[in-house]
Amino acid sequence: MFKVQIRKTTEFILETTFEPIDYPLVSIFFGTDLLYLSYRYAPEAPQDLTNQPEQAPILAITISEDTYMKLTGEFPISDGMDATGSFAAKRITSGVRNIIFELLEGDFHPRFREPYLKAKVSELLVLMLSSEYMEKPSGRWTVREIAMLTEVKELISLNLQNCYSIEQLAEISGMNRTKLQESFKDMFGKTIFTFTTDMKMLKAKLLLEDAQALSLKEIASMLGYKHTNHFSAAFKKRYNISPSQVKKS
């Protein structure tokens, strides 16, 4: 499904392929402050990333074409990118930085090292992929409003087990209900409800395709569903296949 390399100092703390990949279509490199994305023919990190100090962390993820298509339903070419292997760089958000910190500094028993790291990498992919297809903000918002809307998006993405009400999110953002809902849709291209559901379904797909997948009841609970049948209905509506069928395959 994807392979991961994490370097904390001069030694790798994780270098593994969770499932075989046939074609390294998407390479994602996380440096100290920047996220580098390369589509197709660039399986190595850019020079300015590899030349970081030895103490600086490097996290590289390579996703197969098939996996990327399954996760997003789209071919992975976005604005500013081409298919020649050139790199694009973007600032790492606080949410991404927090997950990288947990990957590098997580306190866990050695026995659970790989499952822990795999779960965190999946969480990182969900957050990264969710931001990659969002519209870029325009000049209609203040810096504070952009920051608060981004915080709301990351709060939802990183806490999919919670079902935040619009009132709760409005209080967090400091906006009223109407302004929050309209601004969120304008900035990110989706309503809060649609965005939340899409992120839950993306996380569910990652969990279901894991070779050691949890039960449907456990996955539903992790994504904030009280009833498994409600989760199954939402998943089938999104992917036109039931979660039990994905789990069996």
C-alpha atoms as a PDB file:
ATOM      1  CA  MET A   1       0.000   0.000   0.000  1.00  0.00           C
ATOM      2  CA  PHE A   2       2.761   2.444   0.900  1.00  0.00           C
ATOM      3  CA  LYS A   3       6.282   2.475   2.189  1.00  0.00           C
ATOM      4  CA  VAL A   4       7.719   4.781   4.801  1.00  0.00           C
ATOM      5  CA  GLN A   5      11.139   6.012   5.855  1.00  0.00           C
ATOM      6  CA  ILE A   6      11.589   8.013   9.042  1.00  0.00           C
ATOM      7  CA  ARG A   7      14.984   9.337  10.045  1.00  0.00           C
ATOM      8  CA  LYS A   8      15.323  10.926  13.454  1.00  0.00           C
ATOM      9  CA  THR A   9      19.099  11.412  13.480  1.00  0.00           C
ATOM     10  CA  THR A  10      21.625   9.583  11.303  1.00  0.00           C
ATOM     11  CA  GLU A  11      19.769   6.297  11.811  1.00  0.00           C
ATOM     12  CA  PHE A  12      16.383   5.268  10.501  1.00  0.00           C
ATOM     13  CA  ILE A  13      13.802   4.617  13.205  1.00  0.00           C
ATOM     14  CA  LEU A  14      11.477   3.107  10.632  1.00  0.00           C
ATOM     15  CA  GLU A  15      12.183   1.858   7.131  1.00  0.00           C
ATOM     16  CA  THR A  16       9.514  -0.511   5.978  1.00  0.00           C
ATOM     17  CA  THR A  17       7.028  -1.326   3.254  1.00  0.00           C
ATOM     18  CA  PHE A  18       3.646  -2.101   4.768  1.00  0.00           C
ATOM     19  CA  GLU A  19       2.439  -3.680   1.541  1.00  0.00           C
ATOM     20  CA  PRO A  20       4.281  -4.132  -1.790  1.00  0.00           C
ATOM     21  CA  ILE A  21       3.945  -1.300  -4.283  1.00  0.00           C
ATOM     22  CA  ASP A  22       4.410  -1.624  -8.015  1.00  0.00           C
ATOM     23  CA  TYR A  23       4.926   1.972  -9.015  1.00  0.00           C
ATOM     24  CA  PRO A  24       6.066   4.913  -6.864  1.00  0.00           C
ATOM     25  CA  LEU A  25       3.660   7.453  -8.280  1.00  0.00           C
ATOM     26  CA  VAL A  26       3.464   9.880  -5.372  1.00  0.00           C
ATOM     27  CA  SER A  27       6.425  10.699  -3.164  1.00  0.00           C
ATOM     28  CA  ILE A  28       5.867  12.879  -0.114  1.00  0.00           C
ATOM     29  CA  PHE A  29       8.765  14.229   1.924  1.00  0.00           C
ATOM     30  CA  PHE A  30       8.374  16.053   5.230  1.00  0.00           C
ATOM     31  CA  GLY A  31      11.304  18.187   6.310  1.00  0.00           C
ATOM     32  CA  THR A  32      11.640  20.464   9.303  1.00  0.00           C
ATOM     33  CA  ASP A  33       9.246  23.147   8.066  1.00  0.00           C
ATOM     34  CA  LEU A  34       8.269  22.226   4.519  1.00  0.00           C
ATOM     35  CA  LEU A  35       6.280  19.485   2.868  1.00  0.00           C
ATOM     36  CA  TYR A  36       7.599  18.408  -0.551  1.00  0.00           C
ATOM     37  CA  LEU A  37       5.392  16.547  -3.005  1.00  0.00           C
ATOM     38  CA  SER A  38       6.617  14.837  -6.153  1.00  0.00           C
ATOM     39  CA  TYR A  39       4.383  13.063  -8.617  1.00  0.00           C
ATOM     40  CA  ARG A  40       5.619  10.138 -10.693  1.00  0.00           C
ATOM     41  CA  TYR A  41       9.325   9.986 -11.562  1.00  0.00           C
ATOM     42  CA  ALA A  42      11.052  11.260  -8.441  1.00  0.00           C
ATOM     43  CA  PRO A  43      11.483   8.558  -5.780  1.00  0.00           C
ATOM     44  CA  GLU A  44      14.293  10.499  -4.072  1.00  0.00           C
ATOM     45  CA  ALA A  45      14.025  13.541  -1.835  1.00  0.00           C
ATOM     46  CA  PRO A  46      14.979  16.959  -3.266  1.00  0.00           C
ATOM     47  CA  GLN A  47      18.533  18.151  -2.675  1.00  0.00           C
ATOM     48  CA  ASP A  48      17.646  20.906  -0.227  1.00  0.00           C
ATOM     49  CA  LEU A  49      15.771  18.388   1.910  1.00  0.00           C
ATOM     50  CA  THR A  50      18.514  15.749   1.983  1.00  0.00           C
ATOM     51  CA  ASN A  51      21.070  18.430   2.847  1.00  0.00           C
ATOM     52  CA  GLN A  52      19.347  19.249   6.124  1.00  0.00           C
ATOM     53  CA  PRO A  53      21.387  18.861   9.338  1.00  0.00           C
ATOM     54  CA  GLU A  54      21.729  15.260  10.467  1.00  0.00           C
ATOM     55  CA  GLN A  55      19.585  16.018  13.510  1.00  0.00           C
ATOM     56  CA  ALA A  56      16.674  17.118  11.326  1.00  0.00           C
ATOM     57  CA  PRO A  57      13.903  14.558  10.799  1.00  0.00           C
ATOM     58  CA  ILE A  58      13.026  13.291   7.345  1.00  0.00           C
ATOM     59  CA  LEU A  59       9.842  11.352   6.680  1.00  0.00           C
ATOM     60  CA  ALA A  60       9.258   9.948   3.194  1.00  0.00           C
ATOM     61  CA  ILE A  61       6.087   8.224   2.003  1.00  0.00           C
ATOM     62  CA  THR A  62       5.662   6.580  -1.388  1.00  0.00           C
ATOM     63  CA  ILE A  63       2.155   5.614  -2.487  1.00  0.00           C
ATOM     64  CA  SER A  64       1.304   3.389  -5.418  1.00  0.00           C
ATOM     65  CA  GLU A  65      -0.890   4.730  -8.212  1.00  0.00           C
ATOM     66  CA  ASP A  66      -3.593   2.217  -7.350  1.00  0.00           C
ATOM     67  CA  THR A  67      -3.636   3.227  -3.694  1.00  0.00           C
ATOM     68  CA  TYR A  68      -3.742   6.938  -4.504  1.00  0.00           C
ATOM     69  CA  MET A  69      -6.650   6.436  -6.874  1.00  0.00           C
ATOM     70  CA  LYS A  70      -8.522   4.344  -4.296  1.00  0.00           C
ATOM     71  CA  LEU A  71      -8.045   6.962  -1.596  1.00  0.00           C
ATOM     72  CA  THR A  72      -8.932  10.042  -3.623  1.00  0.00           C
ATOM     73  CA  GLY A  73     -10.811   8.834  -6.696  1.00  0.00           C
ATOM     74  CA  GLU A  74      -8.671  11.202  -8.767  1.00  0.00           C
ATOM     75  CA  PHE A  75      -5.430  11.150 -10.703  1.00  0.00           C
ATOM     76  CA  PRO A  76      -2.827  12.889  -8.535  1.00  0.00           C
ATOM     77  CA  ILE A  77      -1.982  15.951 -10.570  1.00  0.00           C
ATOM     78  CA  SER A  78      -2.847  19.246  -8.903  1.00  0.00           C
ATOM     79  CA  ASP A  79      -2.306  22.919  -9.615  1.00  0.00           C
ATOM     80  CA  GLY A  80       1.347  23.813  -9.968  1.00  0.00           C
ATOM     81  CA  MET A  81       2.467  20.221 -10.540  1.00  0.00           C
ATOM     82  CA  ASP A  82       3.410  18.367 -13.689  1.00  0.00           C
ATOM     83  CA  ALA A  83       4.161  14.725 -14.469  1.00  0.00           C
ATOM     84  CA  THR A  84       7.915  15.101 -14.923  1.00  0.00           C
ATOM     85  CA  GLY A  85       8.980  14.603 -11.339  1.00  0.00           C
ATOM     86  CA  SER A  86       9.440  18.238 -10.320  1.00  0.00           C
ATOM     87  CA  PHE A  87       8.884  19.132  -6.696  1.00  0.00           C
ATOM     88  CA  ALA A  88       6.411  21.477  -5.098  1.00  0.00           C
ATOM     89  CA  ALA A  89       6.914  22.736  -1.560  1.00  0.00           C
ATOM     90  CA  LYS A  90       4.344  23.979   0.928  1.00  0.00           C
ATOM     91  CA  ARG A  91       4.489  24.980   4.556  1.00  0.00           C
ATOM     92  CA  ILE A  92       3.785  22.288   7.124  1.00  0.00           C
ATOM     93  CA  THR A  93       0.664  23.067   9.151  1.00  0.00           C
ATOM     94  CA  SER A  94       0.530  22.696  12.910  1.00  0.00           C
ATOM     95  CA  GLY A  95      -1.553  19.536  12.559  1.00  0.00           C
ATOM     96  CA  VAL A  96       1.021  17.883  10.297  1.00  0.00           C
ATOM     97  CA  ARG A  97       3.845  19.012  12.571  1.00  0.00           C
ATOM     98  CA  ASN A  98       2.098  17.488  15.606  1.00  0.00           C
ATOM     99  CA  ILE A  99       1.765  14.104  13.898  1.00  0.00           C
ATOM    100  CA  ILE A 100       5.416  14.146  12.811  1.00  0.00           C
ATOM    101  CA  PHE A 101       6.395  14.911  16.417  1.00  0.00           C
ATOM    102  CA  GLU A 102       4.311  11.938  17.597  1.00  0.00           C
ATOM    103  CA  LEU A 103       5.971   9.741  14.970  1.00  0.00           C
ATOM    104  CA  LEU A 104       9.438  10.741  16.096  1.00  0.00           C
ATOM    105  CA  GLU A 105       8.885  11.069  19.839  1.00  0.00           C
ATOM    106  CA  GLY A 106       6.021   8.647  20.518  1.00  0.00           C
ATOM    107  CA  ASP A 107       6.394   6.674  23.754  1.00  0.00           C
ATOM    108  CA  PHE A 108       5.301   3.107  23.043  1.00  0.00           C
ATOM    109  CA  HIS A 109       6.323  -0.469  23.790  1.00  0.00           C
ATOM    110  CA  PRO A 110       8.711  -1.903  21.137  1.00  0.00           C
ATOM    111  CA  ARG A 111       6.208  -4.663  20.447  1.00  0.00           C
ATOM    112  CA  PHE A 112       3.683  -2.099  19.211  1.00  0.00           C
ATOM    113  CA  ARG A 113       6.192   0.080  17.395  1.00  0.00           C
ATOM    114  CA  GLU A 114       5.212  -0.714  13.817  1.00  0.00           C
ATOM    115  CA  PRO A 115       1.410  -0.720  14.391  1.00  0.00           C
ATOM    116  CA  TYR A 116       1.739   2.631  16.180  1.00  0.00           C
ATOM    117  CA  LEU A 117       3.834   4.158  13.417  1.00  0.00           C
ATOM    118  CA  LYS A 118       1.553   2.763  10.733  1.00  0.00           C
ATOM    119  CA  ALA A 119      -1.509   4.270  12.419  1.00  0.00           C
ATOM    120  CA  LYS A 120       0.189   7.651  12.674  1.00  0.00           C
ATOM    121  CA  VAL A 121       1.320   7.552   9.040  1.00  0.00           C
ATOM    122  CA  SER A 122      -2.264   6.761   7.995  1.00  0.00           C
ATOM    123  CA  GLU A 123      -3.439   9.747  10.044  1.00  0.00           C
ATOM    124  CA  LEU A 124      -0.822  11.901   8.342  1.00  0.00           C
ATOM    125  CA  LEU A 125      -1.980  10.746   4.907  1.00  0.00           C
ATOM    126  CA  VAL A 126      -5.586  11.578   5.724  1.00  0.00           C
ATOM    127  CA  LEU A 127      -4.628  15.107   6.753  1.00  0.00           C
ATOM    128  CA  MET A 128      -2.278  15.623   3.806  1.00  0.00           C
ATOM    129  CA  LEU A 129      -4.715  14.326   1.200  1.00  0.00           C
ATOM    130  CA  SER A 130      -7.560  16.368   2.672  1.00  0.00           C
ATOM    131  CA  SER A 131      -5.607  19.605   2.229  1.00  0.00           C
ATOM    132  CA  GLU A 132      -4.266  18.742  -1.227  1.00  0.00           C
ATOM    133  CA  TYR A 133      -7.669  19.019  -2.893  1.00  0.00           C
ATOM    134  CA  MET A 134      -8.942  22.108  -1.127  1.00  0.00           C
ATOM    135  CA  GLU A 135      -9.288  25.464  -2.839  1.00  0.00           C
ATOM    136  CA  LYS A 136      -6.698  28.079  -1.972  1.00  0.00           C
ATOM    137  CA  PRO A 137      -7.992  30.938   0.216  1.00  0.00           C
ATOM    138  CA  SER A 138      -8.596  34.299  -1.419  1.00  0.00           C
ATOM    139  CA  GLY A 139      -8.158  37.786  -0.036  1.00  0.00           C
ATOM    140  CA  ARG A 140     -11.699  38.000   1.310  1.00  0.00           C
ATOM    141  CA  TRP A 141     -10.705  36.752   4.798  1.00  0.00           C
ATOM    142  CA  THR A 142      -8.490  38.248   7.450  1.00  0.00           C
ATOM    143  CA  VAL A 143      -5.335  36.448   8.550  1.00  0.00           C
ATOM    144  CA  ARG A 144      -7.061  35.493  11.796  1.00  0.00           C
ATOM    145  CA  GLU A 145     -10.116  34.107   9.980  1.00  0.00           C
ATOM    146  CA  ILE A 146      -7.926  32.010   7.679  1.00  0.00           C
ATOM    147  CA  ALA A 147      -6.053  30.678  10.716  1.00  0.00           C
ATOM    148  CA  MET A 148      -9.278  29.842  12.574  1.00  0.00           C
ATOM    149  CA  LEU A 149     -10.896  28.161   9.562  1.00  0.00           C
ATOM    150  CA  THR A 150      -7.739  26.091   9.050  1.00  0.00           C
ATOM    151  CA  GLU A 151      -7.788  25.198  12.743  1.00  0.00           C
ATOM    152  CA  VAL A 152     -11.393  24.011  12.446  1.00  0.00           C
ATOM    153  CA  LYS A 153     -10.503  21.860   9.425  1.00  0.00           C
ATOM    154  CA  GLU A 154      -7.536  20.289  11.210  1.00  0.00           C
ATOM    155  CA  LEU A 155      -9.551  19.791  14.406  1.00  0.00           C
ATOM    156  CA  ILE A 156     -12.100  17.781  12.440  1.00  0.00           C
ATOM    157  CA  SER A 157      -9.444  15.827  10.507  1.00  0.00           C
ATOM    158  CA  LEU A 158      -7.494  14.842  13.625  1.00  0.00           C
ATOM    159  CA  ASN A 159     -10.498  14.003  15.812  1.00  0.00           C
ATOM    160  CA  LEU A 160     -12.775  11.970  13.571  1.00  0.00           C
ATOM    161  CA  GLN A 161     -14.133  10.073  16.568  1.00  0.00           C
ATOM    162  CA  ASN A 162     -15.755  13.300  17.771  1.00  0.00           C
ATOM    163  CA  CYS A 163     -18.966  14.595  16.240  1.00  0.00           C
ATOM    164  CA  TYR A 164     -18.590  18.340  16.638  1.00  0.00           C
ATOM    165  CA  SER A 165     -21.735  20.418  16.410  1.00  0.00           C
ATOM    166  CA  ILE A 166     -21.774  23.628  14.388  1.00  0.00           C
ATOM    167  CA  GLU A 167     -22.251  25.486  17.679  1.00  0.00           C
ATOM    168  CA  GLN A 168     -19.051  23.968  19.104  1.00  0.00           C
ATOM    169  CA  LEU A 169     -17.046  24.770  15.978  1.00  0.00           C
ATOM    170  CA  ALA A 170     -18.474  28.293  15.857  1.00  0.00           C
ATOM    171  CA  GLU A 171     -17.354  28.883  19.441  1.00  0.00           C
ATOM    172  CA  ILE A 172     -13.866  27.558  18.659  1.00  0.00           C
ATOM    173  CA  SER A 173     -13.554  29.727  15.547  1.00  0.00           C
ATOM    174  CA  GLY A 174     -15.017  32.851  17.111  1.00  0.00           C
ATOM    175  CA  MET A 175     -17.503  33.138  14.236  1.00  0.00           C
ATOM    176  CA  ASN A 176     -21.258  32.864  14.227  1.00  0.00           C
ATOM    177  CA  ARG A 177     -22.892  29.774  12.717  1.00  0.00           C
ATOM    178  CA  THR A 178     -23.737  31.338   9.377  1.00  0.00           C
ATOM    179  CA  LYS A 179     -20.349  32.953   8.785  1.00  0.00           C
ATOM    180  CA  LEU A 180     -18.499  29.768   9.785  1.00  0.00           C
ATOM    181  CA  GLN A 181     -20.508  27.534   7.459  1.00  0.00           C
ATOM    182  CA  GLU A 182     -20.365  29.928   4.511  1.00  0.00           C
ATOM    183  CA  SER A 183     -16.655  30.721   4.970  1.00  0.00           C
ATOM    184  CA  PHE A 184     -15.688  27.058   5.391  1.00  0.00           C
ATOM    185  CA  LYS A 185     -17.447  26.098   2.166  1.00  0.00           C
ATOM    186  CA  ASP A 186     -16.006  29.061   0.258  1.00  0.00           C
ATOM    187  CA  MET A 187     -12.455  28.415   1.442  1.00  0.00           C
ATOM    188  CA  PHE A 188     -12.314  24.617   1.234  1.00  0.00           C
ATOM    189  CA  GLY A 189     -14.932  23.858  -1.410  1.00  0.00           C
ATOM    190  CA  LYS A 190     -17.070  21.643   0.831  1.00  0.00           C
ATOM    191  CA  THR A 191     -19.585  22.065   3.608  1.00  0.00           C
ATOM    192  CA  ILE A 192     -18.443  21.106   7.102  1.00  0.00           C
ATOM    193  CA  PHE A 193     -20.714  18.063   7.006  1.00  0.00           C
ATOM    194  CA  THR A 194     -19.423  16.878   3.613  1.00  0.00           C
ATOM    195  CA  PHE A 195     -15.799  17.466   4.595  1.00  0.00           C
ATOM    196  CA  THR A 196     -16.245  15.560   7.870  1.00  0.00           C
ATOM    197  CA  THR A 197     -17.933  12.637   6.135  1.00  0.00           C
ATOM    198  CA  ASP A 198     -15.268  12.503   3.409  1.00  0.00           C
ATOM    199  CA  MET A 199     -12.482  12.412   5.998  1.00  0.00           C
ATOM    200  CA  LYS A 200     -14.227   9.660   7.945  1.00  0.00           C
ATOM    201  CA  MET A 201     -14.704   7.590   4.810  1.00  0.00           C
ATOM    202  CA  LEU A 202     -11.077   8.093   3.769  1.00  0.00           C
ATOM    203  CA  LYS A 203      -9.855   6.991   7.209  1.00  0.00           C
ATOM    204  CA  ALA A 204     -12.261   4.034   7.111  1.00  0.00           C
ATOM    205  CA  LYS A 205     -10.880   2.926   3.743  1.00  0.00           C
ATOM    206  CA  LEU A 206      -7.323   3.016   5.091  1.00  0.00           C
ATOM    207  CA  LEU A 207      -8.334   0.986   8.141  1.00  0.00           C
ATOM    208  CA  LEU A 208     -10.350  -1.559   6.158  1.00  0.00           C
ATOM    209  CA  GLU A 209      -7.540  -2.167   3.665  1.00  0.00           C
ATOM    210  CA  ASP A 210      -5.077  -2.851   6.468  1.00  0.00           C
ATOM    211  CA  ALA A 211      -4.049  -6.512   6.469  1.00  0.00           C
ATOM    212  CA  GLN A 212      -4.800  -6.558  10.218  1.00  0.00           C
ATOM    213  CA  ALA A 213      -8.019  -4.592   9.916  1.00  0.00           C
ATOM    214  CA  LEU A 214     -10.156  -3.923  12.962  1.00  0.00           C
ATOM    215  CA  SER A 215     -13.740  -5.112  13.136  1.00  0.00           C
ATOM    216  CA  LEU A 216     -16.438  -2.991  11.527  1.00  0.00           C
ATOM    217  CA  LYS A 217     -17.793  -2.166  14.980  1.00  0.00           C
ATOM    218  CA  GLU A 218     -14.379  -0.928  16.140  1.00  0.00           C
ATOM    219  CA  ILE A 219     -13.852   1.168  13.006  1.00  0.00           C
ATOM    220  CA  ALA A 220     -17.342   2.654  13.271  1.00  0.00           C
ATOM    221  CA  SER A 221     -16.674   3.594  16.903  1.00  0.00           C
ATOM    222  CA  MET A 222     -13.299   5.155  16.022  1.00  0.00           C
ATOM    223  CA  LEU A 223     -15.060   7.359  13.477  1.00  0.00           C
ATOM    224  CA  GLY A 224     -17.801   8.526  15.821  1.00  0.00           C
ATOM    225  CA  TYR A 225     -20.617   6.244  14.679  1.00  0.00           C
ATOM    226  CA  LYS A 226     -22.758   4.803  17.473  1.00  0.00           C
ATOM    227  CA  HIS A 227     -24.298   2.217  15.172  1.00  0.00           C
ATOM    228  CA  THR A 228     -22.350   0.060  12.709  1.00  0.00           C
ATOM    229  CA  ASN A 229     -25.201   0.053  10.198  1.00  0.00           C
ATOM    230  CA  HIS A 230     -25.070   3.865   9.972  1.00  0.00           C
ATOM    231  CA  PHE A 231     -21.343   3.658   9.242  1.00  0.00           C
ATOM    232  CA  SER A 232     -21.878   0.923   6.634  1.00  0.00           C
ATOM    233  CA  ALA A 233     -24.579   2.959   4.890  1.00  0.00           C
ATOM    234  CA  ALA A 234     -22.361   6.064   4.733  1.00  0.00           C
ATOM    235  CA  PHE A 235     -19.412   4.047   3.414  1.00  0.00           C
ATOM    236  CA  LYS A 236     -21.481   2.352   0.707  1.00  0.00           C
ATOM    237  CA  LYS A 237     -22.958   5.688  -0.342  1.00  0.00           C
ATOM    238  CA  ARG A 238     -19.445   7.114  -0.748  1.00  0.00           C
ATOM    239  CA  TYR A 239     -17.700   4.176  -2.480  1.00  0.00           C
ATOM    240  CA  ASN A 240     -20.584   2.095  -3.901  1.00  0.00           C
ATOM    241  CA  ILE A 241     -19.280  -0.919  -2.012  1.00  0.00           C
ATOM    242  CA  SER A 242     -19.975  -2.101   1.513  1.00  0.00           C
ATOM    243  CA  PRO A 243     -17.191  -1.990   4.132  1.00  0.00           C
ATOM    244  CA  SER A 244     -17.585  -5.722   4.716  1.00  0.00           C
ATOM    245  CA  GLN A 245     -16.793  -6.359   1.029  1.00  0.00           C
ATOM    246  CA  VAL A 246     -13.657  -4.202   1.253  1.00  0.00           C
ATOM    247  CA  LYS A 247     -12.614  -6.040   4.401  1.00  0.00           C
ATOM    248  CA  LYS A 248     -13.018  -9.449   2.730  1.00  0.00           C
ATOM    249  CA  SER A 249     -11.009  -8.423  -0.331  1.00  0.00           C
END
